Amino acid sequence: MYEYIKALHLIFVITWFAGLFYIPRLFIYHIEASHKASPEKEILTKQLQLMAKRLWFIITWPSAILAVFFAVWLLVLVPAWLEQPWMHVKLVFVLLLILYHFKAHQIFKQLQRNEVKYSSKFMRIFNEGATLILFAVVFLVILKNAFNWIFGVVGIIVLGVLLMLGIRIYKSIRSKNPEA
């Protein structure tokens, strides 16, 4: 039974992350559409709101709930994991992921009301939050006790810097070629 629960947990973690990776992209497109002229603005906004609504309520939320449900089930089956330090750190990152999810939900609701409170640049940076959490959790789960804390922290910081550098490079390319 354990292997089935673990497989289901992993499947729903993957689909949850898929939703969390794509929803900020839709936010970016929505924010950029809000700066276009009519009727393009209204057409794009309506379509992007529908796409976001379907992604959020059909894929992302159910996946989040089921990923957490199967994670709790795994912890019930193997409570000894709660005694391991790597699991404590992983649960902190899971809490950060849940907070990230709720922040994305807040932004989702604002954009559904056509309230644009963030720039597309902010959303590009926000989009990388899930990536950083994913890297941290995967390395913790795979390496467990062999996880080198200093290397891990430095690695996450370097990854963050590289992601920000990538955003700047893309912005530079896009400013020269808006179709990029």
N, C-alpha and C. Protein backbone atom coordinates (compact mmCIF):
# COMPACT_ATOMS: atom_id res chain seq x y z
N MET A 1 0.83 -1.20 0.00
CA MET A 1 0.00 0.00 0.00
C MET A 1 0.87 1.26 0.00
N TYR A 2 1.98 1.19 0.72
CA TYR A 2 2.89 2.35 0.83
C TYR A 2 3.32 2.86 -0.53
N GLU A 3 3.73 1.95 -1.43
CA GLU A 3 4.23 2.36 -2.75
C GLU A 3 3.15 3.06 -3.57
N TYR A 4 1.91 2.61 -3.46
CA TYR A 4 0.81 3.25 -4.18
C TYR A 4 0.56 4.66 -3.66
N ILE A 5 0.58 4.81 -2.36
CA ILE A 5 0.36 6.13 -1.76
C ILE A 5 1.50 7.07 -2.14
N LYS A 6 2.72 6.56 -2.12
CA LYS A 6 3.88 7.36 -2.50
C LYS A 6 3.77 7.79 -3.97
N ALA A 7 3.37 6.88 -4.84
CA ALA A 7 3.21 7.20 -6.26
C ALA A 7 2.14 8.27 -6.46
N LEU A 8 1.02 8.12 -5.77
CA LEU A 8 -0.05 9.13 -5.89
C LEU A 8 0.42 10.48 -5.35
N HIS A 9 1.14 10.47 -4.24
CA HIS A 9 1.68 11.72 -3.70
C HIS A 9 2.57 12.40 -4.74
N LEU A 10 3.46 11.63 -5.33
CA LEU A 10 4.39 12.19 -6.32
C LEU A 10 3.65 12.72 -7.55
N ILE A 11 2.66 11.99 -8.04
CA ILE A 11 1.88 12.44 -9.19
C ILE A 11 1.22 13.78 -8.90
N PHE A 12 0.60 13.90 -7.72
CA PHE A 12 -0.10 15.15 -7.42
C PHE A 12 0.86 16.29 -7.08
N VAL A 13 2.04 15.98 -6.56
CA VAL A 13 3.06 17.02 -6.39
C VAL A 13 3.46 17.56 -7.76
N ILE A 14 3.65 16.67 -8.72
CA ILE A 14 4.05 17.09 -10.07
C ILE A 14 2.97 17.96 -10.71
N THR A 15 1.71 17.54 -10.61
CA THR A 15 0.65 18.34 -11.24
C THR A 15 0.43 19.65 -10.48
N TRP A 16 0.66 19.64 -9.18
CA TRP A 16 0.56 20.88 -8.39
C TRP A 16 1.62 21.86 -8.87
N PHE A 17 2.84 21.38 -8.99
CA PHE A 17 3.92 22.25 -9.48
C PHE A 17 3.65 22.72 -10.91
N ALA A 18 3.09 21.85 -11.73
CA ALA A 18 2.76 22.26 -13.10
C ALA A 18 1.83 23.48 -13.07
N GLY A 19 0.83 23.40 -12.21
CA GLY A 19 -0.08 24.54 -12.07
C GLY A 19 0.61 25.77 -11.52
N LEU A 20 1.47 25.57 -10.53
CA LEU A 20 2.18 26.71 -9.93
C LEU A 20 3.21 27.30 -10.87
N PHE A 21 3.73 26.51 -11.80
CA PHE A 21 4.67 27.05 -12.78
C PHE A 21 3.92 27.84 -13.87
N TYR A 22 2.73 27.37 -14.23
CA TYR A 22 2.03 28.01 -15.35
C TYR A 22 1.17 29.21 -14.94
N ILE A 23 0.59 29.18 -13.75
CA ILE A 23 -0.33 30.27 -13.38
C ILE A 23 0.37 31.64 -13.37
N PRO A 24 1.61 31.77 -12.89
CA PRO A 24 2.24 33.09 -12.97
C PRO A 24 2.48 33.54 -14.41
N ARG A 25 2.70 32.59 -15.33
CA ARG A 25 2.83 32.96 -16.74
C ARG A 25 1.53 33.58 -17.23
N LEU A 26 0.40 32.98 -16.85
CA LEU A 26 -0.89 33.56 -17.22
C LEU A 26 -1.08 34.92 -16.57
N PHE A 27 -0.59 35.08 -15.35
CA PHE A 27 -0.66 36.39 -14.69
C PHE A 27 0.14 37.42 -15.48
N ILE A 28 1.33 37.03 -15.92
CA ILE A 28 2.18 37.94 -16.70
C ILE A 28 1.45 38.37 -17.96
N TYR A 29 0.89 37.40 -18.69
CA TYR A 29 0.19 37.73 -19.93
C TYR A 29 -1.03 38.63 -19.65
N HIS A 30 -1.72 38.36 -18.55
CA HIS A 30 -2.88 39.17 -18.17
C HIS A 30 -2.45 40.61 -17.86
N ILE A 31 -1.39 40.75 -17.09
CA ILE A 31 -0.89 42.08 -16.75
C ILE A 31 -0.47 42.83 -18.01
N GLU A 32 0.24 42.15 -18.90
CA GLU A 32 0.67 42.79 -20.14
C GLU A 32 -0.52 43.11 -21.04
N ALA A 33 -1.55 42.27 -21.03
CA ALA A 33 -2.75 42.55 -21.82
C ALA A 33 -3.47 43.79 -21.31
N SER A 34 -3.37 44.05 -20.01
CA SER A 34 -4.05 45.21 -19.43
C SER A 34 -3.48 46.53 -19.94
N HIS A 35 -2.31 46.49 -20.57
CA HIS A 35 -1.69 47.70 -21.10
C HIS A 35 -1.96 47.88 -22.60
N LYS A 36 -2.71 46.96 -23.18
CA LYS A 36 -3.02 47.05 -24.61
C LYS A 36 -4.26 47.90 -24.84
N ALA A 37 -4.44 48.29 -26.07
CA ALA A 37 -5.60 49.11 -26.45
C ALA A 37 -6.83 48.23 -26.66
N SER A 38 -8.00 48.85 -26.58
CA SER A 38 -9.26 48.14 -26.86
C SER A 38 -9.33 47.89 -28.36
N PRO A 39 -9.96 46.85 -28.80
CA PRO A 39 -10.64 45.77 -28.09
C PRO A 39 -9.70 44.62 -27.70
N GLU A 40 -8.43 44.69 -28.13
CA GLU A 40 -7.48 43.62 -27.83
C GLU A 40 -7.39 43.36 -26.32
N LYS A 41 -7.37 44.43 -25.55
CA LYS A 41 -7.27 44.31 -24.09
C LYS A 41 -8.41 43.46 -23.52
N GLU A 42 -9.63 43.76 -23.91
CA GLU A 42 -10.78 43.04 -23.38
C GLU A 42 -10.82 41.59 -23.84
N ILE A 43 -10.48 41.37 -25.10
CA ILE A 43 -10.50 40.00 -25.64
C ILE A 43 -9.46 39.14 -24.92
N LEU A 44 -8.23 39.65 -24.83
CA LEU A 44 -7.17 38.89 -24.17
C LEU A 44 -7.46 38.68 -22.69
N THR A 45 -7.93 39.72 -22.02
CA THR A 45 -8.22 39.62 -20.59
C THR A 45 -9.26 38.55 -20.31
N LYS A 46 -10.33 38.55 -21.10
CA LYS A 46 -11.39 37.57 -20.90
C LYS A 46 -10.85 36.15 -21.10
N GLN A 47 -10.07 35.94 -22.16
CA GLN A 47 -9.52 34.62 -22.45
C GLN A 47 -8.53 34.18 -21.36
N LEU A 48 -7.67 35.10 -20.93
CA LEU A 48 -6.67 34.75 -19.90
C LEU A 48 -7.33 34.48 -18.55
N GLN A 49 -8.40 35.19 -18.24
CA GLN A 49 -9.13 34.92 -17.00
C GLN A 49 -9.74 33.52 -17.03
N LEU A 50 -10.30 33.14 -18.18
CA LEU A 50 -10.89 31.81 -18.31
C LEU A 50 -9.81 30.72 -18.20
N MET A 51 -8.69 30.93 -18.88
CA MET A 51 -7.59 29.95 -18.81
C MET A 51 -7.08 29.80 -17.38
N ALA A 52 -6.90 30.92 -16.70
CA ALA A 52 -6.41 30.89 -15.32
C ALA A 52 -7.42 30.19 -14.40
N LYS A 53 -8.69 30.50 -14.59
CA LYS A 53 -9.73 29.89 -13.75
C LYS A 53 -9.74 28.38 -13.92
N ARG A 54 -9.65 27.90 -15.14
CA ARG A 54 -9.65 26.46 -15.39
C ARG A 54 -8.40 25.80 -14.82
N LEU A 55 -7.24 26.41 -15.06
CA LEU A 55 -5.99 25.86 -14.53
C LEU A 55 -6.04 25.81 -13.01
N TRP A 56 -6.49 26.90 -12.40
CA TRP A 56 -6.44 27.04 -10.95
C TRP A 56 -7.39 26.07 -10.25
N PHE A 57 -8.63 25.99 -10.75
CA PHE A 57 -9.64 25.19 -10.04
C PHE A 57 -9.76 23.74 -10.52
N ILE A 58 -9.27 23.45 -11.73
CA ILE A 58 -9.38 22.08 -12.23
C ILE A 58 -8.08 21.30 -12.01
N ILE A 59 -6.94 21.99 -12.02
CA ILE A 59 -5.66 21.29 -11.88
C ILE A 59 -4.95 21.65 -10.57
N THR A 60 -4.69 22.94 -10.36
CA THR A 60 -3.79 23.34 -9.28
C THR A 60 -4.36 23.09 -7.89
N TRP A 61 -5.56 23.58 -7.62
CA TRP A 61 -6.12 23.37 -6.27
C TRP A 61 -6.35 21.89 -5.96
N PRO A 62 -7.00 21.13 -6.84
CA PRO A 62 -7.17 19.70 -6.52
C PRO A 62 -5.83 18.98 -6.32
N SER A 63 -4.84 19.32 -7.14
CA SER A 63 -3.53 18.69 -6.99
C SER A 63 -2.89 19.03 -5.66
N ALA A 64 -3.01 20.29 -5.23
CA ALA A 64 -2.44 20.71 -3.95
C ALA A 64 -3.09 19.93 -2.80
N ILE A 65 -4.40 19.85 -2.84
CA ILE A 65 -5.14 19.15 -1.77
C ILE A 65 -4.76 17.67 -1.74
N LEU A 66 -4.72 17.05 -2.91
CA LEU A 66 -4.41 15.62 -2.96
C LEU A 66 -2.94 15.35 -2.63
N ALA A 67 -2.03 16.22 -3.03
CA ALA A 67 -0.61 16.05 -2.67
C ALA A 67 -0.44 16.09 -1.16
N VAL A 68 -1.11 17.04 -0.52
CA VAL A 68 -1.02 17.15 0.94
C VAL A 68 -1.71 15.96 1.61
N PHE A 69 -2.85 15.56 1.10
CA PHE A 69 -3.57 14.41 1.65
C PHE A 69 -2.70 13.16 1.64
N PHE A 70 -2.09 12.86 0.48
CA PHE A 70 -1.26 11.66 0.38
C PHE A 70 0.04 11.80 1.18
N ALA A 71 0.53 13.02 1.34
CA ALA A 71 1.72 13.24 2.18
C ALA A 71 1.41 12.91 3.64
N VAL A 72 0.26 13.38 4.10
CA VAL A 72 -0.14 13.08 5.48
C VAL A 72 -0.32 11.58 5.65
N TRP A 73 -0.92 10.94 4.67
CA TRP A 73 -1.11 9.49 4.72
C TRP A 73 0.24 8.78 4.82
N LEU A 74 1.22 9.24 4.03
CA LEU A 74 2.57 8.66 4.11
C LEU A 74 3.17 8.84 5.50
N LEU A 75 2.98 10.01 6.08
CA LEU A 75 3.51 10.25 7.44
C LEU A 75 2.81 9.39 8.48
N VAL A 76 1.55 9.09 8.26
CA VAL A 76 0.83 8.18 9.16
C VAL A 76 1.39 6.76 9.02
N LEU A 77 1.71 6.37 7.79
CA LEU A 77 2.27 5.04 7.54
C LEU A 77 3.71 4.91 8.06
N VAL A 78 4.48 6.02 7.98
CA VAL A 78 5.89 5.99 8.41
C VAL A 78 6.13 7.19 9.34
N PRO A 79 5.62 7.15 10.56
CA PRO A 79 5.77 8.30 11.47
C PRO A 79 7.22 8.57 11.88
N ALA A 80 8.10 7.61 11.70
CA ALA A 80 9.52 7.80 12.06
C ALA A 80 10.16 8.92 11.25
N TRP A 81 9.61 9.21 10.07
CA TRP A 81 10.17 10.31 9.26
C TRP A 81 10.11 11.64 10.01
N LEU A 82 9.11 11.77 10.86
CA LEU A 82 8.97 13.03 11.60
C LEU A 82 10.08 13.24 12.63
N GLU A 83 10.86 12.22 12.87
CA GLU A 83 11.98 12.33 13.80
C GLU A 83 13.28 12.70 13.09
N GLN A 84 13.25 12.73 11.76
CA GLN A 84 14.47 12.99 10.99
C GLN A 84 14.60 14.48 10.65
N PRO A 85 15.79 15.06 10.87
CA PRO A 85 15.99 16.49 10.62
C PRO A 85 15.69 16.93 9.19
N TRP A 86 16.02 16.10 8.19
CA TRP A 86 15.75 16.50 6.81
C TRP A 86 14.26 16.68 6.58
N MET A 87 13.45 15.87 7.26
CA MET A 87 12.00 15.99 7.10
C MET A 87 11.49 17.29 7.71
N HIS A 88 12.09 17.72 8.81
CA HIS A 88 11.70 19.01 9.41
C HIS A 88 11.94 20.14 8.42
N VAL A 89 13.11 20.10 7.78
CA VAL A 89 13.45 21.14 6.80
C VAL A 89 12.52 21.04 5.59
N LYS A 90 12.25 19.83 5.15
CA LYS A 90 11.34 19.65 4.02
C LYS A 90 9.97 20.22 4.35
N LEU A 91 9.48 19.97 5.55
CA LEU A 91 8.16 20.49 5.93
C LEU A 91 8.14 22.01 5.99
N VAL A 92 9.27 22.62 6.32
CA VAL A 92 9.36 24.09 6.27
C VAL A 92 9.19 24.55 4.81
N PHE A 93 9.86 23.86 3.90
CA PHE A 93 9.72 24.22 2.48
C PHE A 93 8.31 23.95 1.98
N VAL A 94 7.67 22.89 2.45
CA VAL A 94 6.29 22.62 2.08
C VAL A 94 5.38 23.73 2.59
N LEU A 95 5.63 24.20 3.81
CA LEU A 95 4.87 25.34 4.34
C LEU A 95 5.07 26.57 3.46
N LEU A 96 6.32 26.82 3.04
CA LEU A 96 6.59 27.94 2.13
C LEU A 96 5.84 27.76 0.80
N LEU A 97 5.77 26.52 0.32
CA LEU A 97 5.05 26.25 -0.92
C LEU A 97 3.55 26.53 -0.75
N ILE A 98 3.01 26.15 0.39
CA ILE A 98 1.59 26.42 0.65
C ILE A 98 1.35 27.92 0.75
N LEU A 99 2.25 28.65 1.39
CA LEU A 99 2.13 30.11 1.45
C LEU A 99 2.23 30.73 0.05
N TYR A 100 3.15 30.21 -0.76
CA TYR A 100 3.28 30.65 -2.15
C TYR A 100 1.97 30.40 -2.91
N HIS A 101 1.38 29.24 -2.69
CA HIS A 101 0.11 28.88 -3.33
C HIS A 101 -0.98 29.89 -2.94
N PHE A 102 -1.06 30.20 -1.65
CA PHE A 102 -2.08 31.15 -1.19
C PHE A 102 -1.84 32.56 -1.74
N LYS A 103 -0.58 32.96 -1.86
CA LYS A 103 -0.28 34.26 -2.47
C LYS A 103 -0.70 34.25 -3.94
N ALA A 104 -0.42 33.15 -4.64
CA ALA A 104 -0.85 33.04 -6.03
C ALA A 104 -2.38 33.10 -6.11
N HIS A 105 -3.05 32.50 -5.14
CA HIS A 105 -4.52 32.55 -5.12
C HIS A 105 -5.01 33.99 -4.94
N GLN A 106 -4.35 34.72 -4.07
CA GLN A 106 -4.70 36.12 -3.87
C GLN A 106 -4.54 36.92 -5.17
N ILE A 107 -3.43 36.72 -5.86
CA ILE A 107 -3.19 37.41 -7.13
C ILE A 107 -4.22 36.96 -8.17
N PHE A 108 -4.52 35.66 -8.19
CA PHE A 108 -5.53 35.12 -9.10
C PHE A 108 -6.86 35.85 -8.91
N LYS A 109 -7.31 35.97 -7.66
CA LYS A 109 -8.59 36.63 -7.39
C LYS A 109 -8.55 38.10 -7.82
N GLN A 110 -7.43 38.79 -7.57
CA GLN A 110 -7.32 40.19 -7.99
C GLN A 110 -7.45 40.31 -9.50
N LEU A 111 -6.73 39.46 -10.23
CA LEU A 111 -6.78 39.54 -11.69
C LEU A 111 -8.14 39.11 -12.24
N GLN A 112 -8.83 38.23 -11.55
CA GLN A 112 -10.19 37.88 -11.97
C GLN A 112 -11.12 39.09 -11.86
N ARG A 113 -10.79 40.01 -10.95
CA ARG A 113 -11.56 41.26 -10.80
C ARG A 113 -10.95 42.40 -11.62
N ASN A 114 -9.96 42.07 -12.45
CA ASN A 114 -9.23 43.05 -13.26
C ASN A 114 -8.49 44.09 -12.41
N GLU A 115 -8.07 43.68 -11.24
CA GLU A 115 -7.25 44.54 -10.39
C GLU A 115 -5.79 44.16 -10.62
N VAL A 116 -5.06 45.02 -11.31
CA VAL A 116 -3.65 44.76 -11.60
C VAL A 116 -2.82 45.52 -10.57
N LYS A 117 -2.26 44.77 -9.62
CA LYS A 117 -1.49 45.39 -8.53
C LYS A 117 0.01 45.12 -8.64
N TYR A 118 0.40 44.27 -9.59
CA TYR A 118 1.81 43.91 -9.72
C TYR A 118 2.25 44.11 -11.17
N SER A 119 3.54 44.33 -11.33
CA SER A 119 4.09 44.47 -12.68
C SER A 119 4.41 43.09 -13.24
N SER A 120 4.58 43.04 -14.55
CA SER A 120 4.95 41.77 -15.16
C SER A 120 6.36 41.37 -14.71
N LYS A 121 7.20 42.36 -14.42
CA LYS A 121 8.55 42.05 -13.92
C LYS A 121 8.45 41.37 -12.55
N PHE A 122 7.62 41.89 -11.67
CA PHE A 122 7.42 41.27 -10.36
C PHE A 122 6.94 39.83 -10.53
N MET A 123 5.99 39.62 -11.46
CA MET A 123 5.45 38.28 -11.66
C MET A 123 6.50 37.33 -12.21
N ARG A 124 7.42 37.83 -13.03
CA ARG A 124 8.50 36.97 -13.53
C ARG A 124 9.40 36.51 -12.38
N ILE A 125 9.63 37.40 -11.45
CA ILE A 125 10.44 37.04 -10.27
C ILE A 125 9.63 36.10 -9.36
N PHE A 126 8.36 36.43 -9.13
CA PHE A 126 7.47 35.60 -8.32
C PHE A 126 7.41 34.18 -8.88
N ASN A 127 7.40 34.07 -10.19
CA ASN A 127 7.31 32.78 -10.88
C ASN A 127 8.45 31.84 -10.47
N GLU A 128 9.58 32.39 -10.07
CA GLU A 128 10.73 31.55 -9.73
C GLU A 128 10.67 31.01 -8.30
N GLY A 129 9.74 31.51 -7.49
CA GLY A 129 9.61 31.03 -6.11
C GLY A 129 9.35 29.53 -6.05
N ALA A 130 8.43 29.05 -6.88
CA ALA A 130 8.13 27.62 -6.89
C ALA A 130 9.34 26.80 -7.35
N THR A 131 10.12 27.36 -8.27
CA THR A 131 11.31 26.66 -8.76
C THR A 131 12.31 26.46 -7.63
N LEU A 132 12.55 27.50 -6.86
CA LEU A 132 13.49 27.41 -5.74
C LEU A 132 13.02 26.39 -4.71
N ILE A 133 11.74 26.40 -4.42
CA ILE A 133 11.19 25.45 -3.45
C ILE A 133 11.32 24.02 -3.99
N LEU A 134 11.02 23.84 -5.27
CA LEU A 134 11.13 22.51 -5.88
C LEU A 134 12.56 21.97 -5.78
N PHE A 135 13.55 22.80 -6.11
CA PHE A 135 14.95 22.37 -6.02
C PHE A 135 15.28 21.96 -4.59
N ALA A 136 14.89 22.79 -3.63
CA ALA A 136 15.21 22.50 -2.23
C ALA A 136 14.58 21.18 -1.78
N VAL A 137 13.32 20.98 -2.09
CA VAL A 137 12.62 19.77 -1.65
C VAL A 137 13.19 18.52 -2.32
N VAL A 138 13.44 18.59 -3.61
CA VAL A 138 13.97 17.41 -4.30
C VAL A 138 15.34 17.02 -3.73
N PHE A 139 16.22 18.01 -3.53
CA PHE A 139 17.53 17.68 -2.98
C PHE A 139 17.41 17.13 -1.56
N LEU A 140 16.51 17.70 -0.76
CA LEU A 140 16.33 17.18 0.60
C LEU A 140 15.84 15.74 0.58
N VAL A 141 14.85 15.44 -0.26
CA VAL A 141 14.28 14.10 -0.29
C VAL A 141 15.28 13.08 -0.83
N ILE A 142 16.03 13.45 -1.85
CA ILE A 142 16.98 12.51 -2.45
C ILE A 142 18.20 12.31 -1.56
N LEU A 143 18.76 13.39 -1.03
CA LEU A 143 20.01 13.29 -0.26
C LEU A 143 19.79 12.99 1.22
N LYS A 144 18.65 13.33 1.74
CA LYS A 144 18.30 13.12 3.15
C LYS A 144 19.44 13.52 4.09
N ASN A 145 19.96 12.57 4.84
CA ASN A 145 20.99 12.89 5.84
C ASN A 145 22.33 13.28 5.24
N ALA A 146 22.55 12.96 3.97
CA ALA A 146 23.81 13.31 3.32
C ALA A 146 23.80 14.76 2.85
N PHE A 147 22.69 15.42 3.06
CA PHE A 147 22.55 16.81 2.60
C PHE A 147 23.56 17.71 3.30
N ASN A 148 24.39 18.35 2.53
CA ASN A 148 25.38 19.28 3.07
C ASN A 148 24.72 20.65 3.15
N TRP A 149 24.48 21.12 4.37
CA TRP A 149 23.70 22.35 4.57
C TRP A 149 24.35 23.56 3.92
N ILE A 150 25.63 23.72 4.08
CA ILE A 150 26.29 24.90 3.50
C ILE A 150 26.21 24.83 1.98
N PHE A 151 26.53 23.67 1.40
CA PHE A 151 26.45 23.51 -0.05
C PHE A 151 25.02 23.75 -0.53
N GLY A 152 24.06 23.24 0.20
CA GLY A 152 22.66 23.40 -0.18
C GLY A 152 22.21 24.85 -0.16
N VAL A 153 22.55 25.55 0.90
CA VAL A 153 22.17 26.96 1.00
C VAL A 153 22.84 27.78 -0.10
N VAL A 154 24.14 27.56 -0.28
CA VAL A 154 24.87 28.27 -1.34
C VAL A 154 24.27 27.91 -2.71
N GLY A 155 23.94 26.65 -2.91
CA GLY A 155 23.34 26.21 -4.18
C GLY A 155 22.02 26.90 -4.46
N ILE A 156 21.16 27.01 -3.45
CA ILE A 156 19.86 27.68 -3.63
C ILE A 156 20.08 29.16 -3.93
N ILE A 157 21.03 29.80 -3.25
CA ILE A 157 21.32 31.21 -3.51
C ILE A 157 21.85 31.39 -4.94
N VAL A 158 22.78 30.51 -5.34
CA VAL A 158 23.32 30.59 -6.70
C VAL A 158 22.20 30.37 -7.72
N LEU A 159 21.33 29.40 -7.48
CA LEU A 159 20.21 29.17 -8.37
C LEU A 159 19.33 30.42 -8.47
N GLY A 160 19.04 31.03 -7.33
CA GLY A 160 18.24 32.26 -7.32
C GLY A 160 18.89 33.36 -8.13
N VAL A 161 20.20 33.53 -7.96
CA VAL A 161 20.93 34.55 -8.71
C VAL A 161 20.87 34.24 -10.21
N LEU A 162 21.07 32.98 -10.57
CA LEU A 162 21.01 32.60 -11.98
C LEU A 162 19.62 32.83 -12.57
N LEU A 163 18.58 32.54 -11.80
CA LEU A 163 17.22 32.79 -12.27
C LEU A 163 16.99 34.28 -12.49
N MET A 164 17.46 35.10 -11.56
CA MET A 164 17.30 36.56 -11.71
C MET A 164 18.09 37.07 -12.91
N LEU A 165 19.28 36.52 -13.10
CA LEU A 165 20.09 36.89 -14.26
C LEU A 165 19.37 36.49 -15.54
N GLY A 166 18.79 35.33 -15.55
CA GLY A 166 18.02 34.89 -16.71
C GLY A 166 16.86 35.82 -17.01
N ILE A 167 16.18 36.29 -15.98
CA ILE A 167 15.08 37.22 -16.16
C ILE A 167 15.59 38.52 -16.78
N ARG A 168 16.70 39.02 -16.29
CA ARG A 168 17.27 40.26 -16.84
C ARG A 168 17.69 40.09 -18.30
N ILE A 169 18.32 38.96 -18.61
CA ILE A 169 18.74 38.70 -19.99
C ILE A 169 17.52 38.62 -20.90
N TYR A 170 16.49 37.92 -20.45
CA TYR A 170 15.27 37.81 -21.25
C TYR A 170 14.63 39.18 -21.45
N LYS A 171 14.62 39.98 -20.40
CA LYS A 171 14.05 41.33 -20.53
C LYS A 171 14.83 42.14 -21.55
N SER A 172 16.14 42.02 -21.55
CA SER A 172 16.98 42.73 -22.52
C SER A 172 16.68 42.25 -23.93
N ILE A 173 16.57 40.96 -24.10
CA ILE A 173 16.26 40.40 -25.42
C ILE A 173 14.89 40.86 -25.87
N ARG A 174 13.94 40.84 -24.96
CA ARG A 174 12.57 41.21 -25.29
C ARG A 174 12.45 42.69 -25.61
N SER A 175 13.26 43.53 -24.96
CA SER A 175 13.20 44.96 -25.25
C SER A 175 13.70 45.25 -26.67
N LYS A 176 14.61 44.41 -27.15
CA LYS A 176 15.13 44.56 -28.51
C LYS A 176 14.20 43.91 -29.53
N ASN A 177 13.50 42.84 -29.12
CA ASN A 177 12.60 42.12 -30.00
C ASN A 177 11.34 41.76 -29.22
N PRO A 178 10.29 42.58 -29.28
CA PRO A 178 9.07 42.32 -28.49
C PRO A 178 8.40 40.99 -28.80
N GLU A 179 8.72 40.38 -29.92
CA GLU A 179 8.12 39.10 -30.28
C GLU A 179 8.86 37.90 -29.67
N ALA A 180 9.99 38.17 -28.96
CA ALA A 180 10.79 37.07 -28.39
C ALA A 180 10.10 36.43 -27.21
